[in-house]
């Protein structure tokens, strides 16, 4: 009997976690942006400073021959939606 109750509690707990994860979405930042807000949005999503992400992207782009990094950035501009600010 206790096993059934604990499994039901665990089942509802995982559903709550899934709901929280589904609510968190990746957006381009409208406040922390240099060009299009891609790294600002990624930084907000993962709670990392966007400057660190920008520096890492520059290093990866330079050492990979420029094209893959620039191509990934351009694709991200079109794929990642911009956060729409709700007016109060």
C-alpha atoms as a PDB file:
ATOM      1  CA  UNK A   1       0.000   0.000   0.000  1.00  0.00           C
ATOM      2  CA  UNK A   2       2.804   2.405   0.897  1.00  0.00           C
ATOM      3  CA  UNK A   3       4.583   1.511  -2.325  1.00  0.00           C
ATOM      4  CA  UNK A   4       1.551   2.501  -4.368  1.00  0.00           C
ATOM      5  CA  UNK A   5       1.298   5.857  -2.603  1.00  0.00           C
ATOM      6  CA  UNK A   6       5.019   6.598  -3.013  1.00  0.00           C
ATOM      7  CA  UNK A   7       4.899   5.681  -6.707  1.00  0.00           C
ATOM      8  CA  UNK A   8       1.885   7.950  -7.187  1.00  0.00           C
ATOM      9  CA  UNK A   9       3.707  10.762  -5.400  1.00  0.00           C
ATOM     10  CA  UNK A  10       6.786  10.246  -7.558  1.00  0.00           C
ATOM     11  CA  UNK A  11       4.652  10.194 -10.680  1.00  0.00           C
ATOM     12  CA  UNK A  12       3.024  13.513  -9.857  1.00  0.00           C
ATOM     13  CA  UNK A  13       6.418  14.962  -8.918  1.00  0.00           C
ATOM     14  CA  UNK A  14       7.893  14.130 -12.331  1.00  0.00           C
ATOM     15  CA  UNK A  15       4.858  15.620 -14.080  1.00  0.00           C
ATOM     16  CA  UNK A  16       5.378  18.855 -12.167  1.00  0.00           C
ATOM     17  CA  UNK A  17       9.051  18.913 -13.166  1.00  0.00           C
ATOM     18  CA  UNK A  18       8.124  18.288 -16.801  1.00  0.00           C
ATOM     19  CA  UNK A  19       5.627  21.161 -16.700  1.00  0.00           C
ATOM     20  CA  UNK A  20       8.276  23.509 -15.299  1.00  0.00           C
ATOM     21  CA  UNK A  21      10.741  22.438 -17.982  1.00  0.00           C
ATOM     22  CA  UNK A  22       8.171  22.919 -20.738  1.00  0.00           C
ATOM     23  CA  UNK A  23       7.470  26.462 -19.576  1.00  0.00           C
ATOM     24  CA  UNK A  24      11.124  27.498 -19.874  1.00  0.00           C
ATOM     25  CA  UNK A  25      11.816  28.475 -23.493  1.00  0.00           C
ATOM     26  CA  UNK A  26      14.777  29.915 -25.325  1.00  0.00           C
ATOM     27  CA  UNK A  27      14.255  33.415 -26.707  1.00  0.00           C
ATOM     28  CA  UNK A  28      16.519  36.068 -28.168  1.00  0.00           C
ATOM     29  CA  UNK A  29      17.101  38.711 -25.528  1.00  0.00           C
ATOM     30  CA  UNK A  30      15.691  42.188 -26.102  1.00  0.00           C
ATOM     31  CA  UNK A  31      17.717  43.760 -23.300  1.00  0.00           C
ATOM     32  CA  UNK A  32      21.090  41.970 -23.378  1.00  0.00           C
ATOM     33  CA  UNK A  33      21.982  42.141 -27.044  1.00  0.00           C
ATOM     34  CA  UNK A  34      24.934  43.196 -29.130  1.00  0.00           C
ATOM     35  CA  UNK A  35      23.765  42.180 -32.604  1.00  0.00           C
ATOM     36  CA  UNK A  36      20.591  40.129 -32.383  1.00  0.00           C
ATOM     37  CA  UNK A  37      20.332  38.935 -28.772  1.00  0.00           C
ATOM     38  CA  UNK A  38      21.216  35.284 -29.391  1.00  0.00           C
ATOM     39  CA  UNK A  39      23.910  35.059 -26.718  1.00  0.00           C
ATOM     40  CA  UNK A  40      21.933  37.231 -24.331  1.00  0.00           C
ATOM     41  CA  UNK A  41      19.011  34.813 -24.652  1.00  0.00           C
ATOM     42  CA  UNK A  42      21.198  31.744 -24.211  1.00  0.00           C
ATOM     43  CA  UNK A  43      22.792  33.384 -21.186  1.00  0.00           C
ATOM     44  CA  UNK A  44      19.393  34.122 -19.654  1.00  0.00           C
ATOM     45  CA  UNK A  45      18.203  30.563 -20.360  1.00  0.00           C
ATOM     46  CA  UNK A  46      21.233  28.864 -18.767  1.00  0.00           C
ATOM     47  CA  UNK A  47      21.958  31.639 -16.226  1.00  0.00           C
ATOM     48  CA  UNK A  48      25.434  32.331 -17.688  1.00  0.00           C
ATOM     49  CA  UNK A  49      27.019  35.697 -18.439  1.00  0.00           C
ATOM     50  CA  UNK A  50      26.508  36.450 -22.137  1.00  0.00           C
ATOM     51  CA  UNK A  51      30.030  37.903 -22.407  1.00  0.00           C
ATOM     52  CA  UNK A  52      31.519  34.488 -21.625  1.00  0.00           C
ATOM     53  CA  UNK A  53      29.339  32.918 -24.315  1.00  0.00           C
ATOM     54  CA  UNK A  54      30.363  35.590 -26.834  1.00  0.00           C
ATOM     55  CA  UNK A  55      34.070  35.073 -26.126  1.00  0.00           C
ATOM     56  CA  UNK A  56      33.707  31.293 -26.408  1.00  0.00           C
ATOM     57  CA  UNK A  57      31.846  31.705 -29.709  1.00  0.00           C
ATOM     58  CA  UNK A  58      34.578  33.992 -31.070  1.00  0.00           C
ATOM     59  CA  UNK A  59      37.289  31.484 -30.171  1.00  0.00           C
ATOM     60  CA  UNK A  60      35.360  28.559 -31.642  1.00  0.00           C
ATOM     61  CA  UNK A  61      34.600  30.538 -34.798  1.00  0.00           C
ATOM     62  CA  UNK A  62      38.207  31.623 -35.311  1.00  0.00           C
ATOM     63  CA  UNK A  63      39.636  28.143 -34.741  1.00  0.00           C
ATOM     64  CA  UNK A  64      37.002  26.367 -36.845  1.00  0.00           C
ATOM     65  CA  UNK A  65      37.617  28.469 -39.941  1.00  0.00           C
ATOM     66  CA  UNK A  66      34.910  31.145 -39.477  1.00  0.00           C
ATOM     67  CA  UNK A  67      32.222  29.594 -41.684  1.00  0.00           C
ATOM     68  CA  UNK A  68      30.629  27.096 -39.220  1.00  0.00           C
ATOM     69  CA  UNK A  69      30.356  29.637 -36.386  1.00  0.00           C
ATOM     70  CA  UNK A  70      28.963  32.400 -38.573  1.00  0.00           C
ATOM     71  CA  UNK A  71      26.556  30.006 -40.285  1.00  0.00           C
ATOM     72  CA  UNK A  72      25.306  28.708 -36.915  1.00  0.00           C
ATOM     73  CA  UNK A  73      24.784  32.279 -35.688  1.00  0.00           C
ATOM     74  CA  UNK A  74      22.815  33.287 -38.788  1.00  0.00           C
ATOM     75  CA  UNK A  75      20.637  30.172 -38.532  1.00  0.00           C
ATOM     76  CA  UNK A  76      20.017  30.900 -34.836  1.00  0.00           C
ATOM     77  CA  UNK A  77      18.843  34.422 -35.704  1.00  0.00           C
ATOM     78  CA  UNK A  78      16.052  32.969 -37.815  1.00  0.00           C
ATOM     79  CA  UNK A  79      15.232  29.934 -35.636  1.00  0.00           C
ATOM     80  CA  UNK A  80      15.216  31.414 -32.112  1.00  0.00           C
ATOM     81  CA  UNK A  81      12.212  33.718 -31.614  1.00  0.00           C
ATOM     82  CA  UNK A  82      12.565  37.144 -30.044  1.00  0.00           C
ATOM     83  CA  UNK A  83      10.937  37.594 -26.646  1.00  0.00           C
ATOM     84  CA  UNK A  84       7.844  39.752 -26.934  1.00  0.00           C
ATOM     85  CA  UNK A  85       7.548  42.184 -24.042  1.00  0.00           C
ATOM     86  CA  UNK A  86       4.037  42.366 -22.638  1.00  0.00           C
ATOM     87  CA  UNK A  87       2.894  45.955 -22.207  1.00  0.00           C
ATOM     88  CA  UNK A  88       1.294  46.674 -18.842  1.00  0.00           C
END
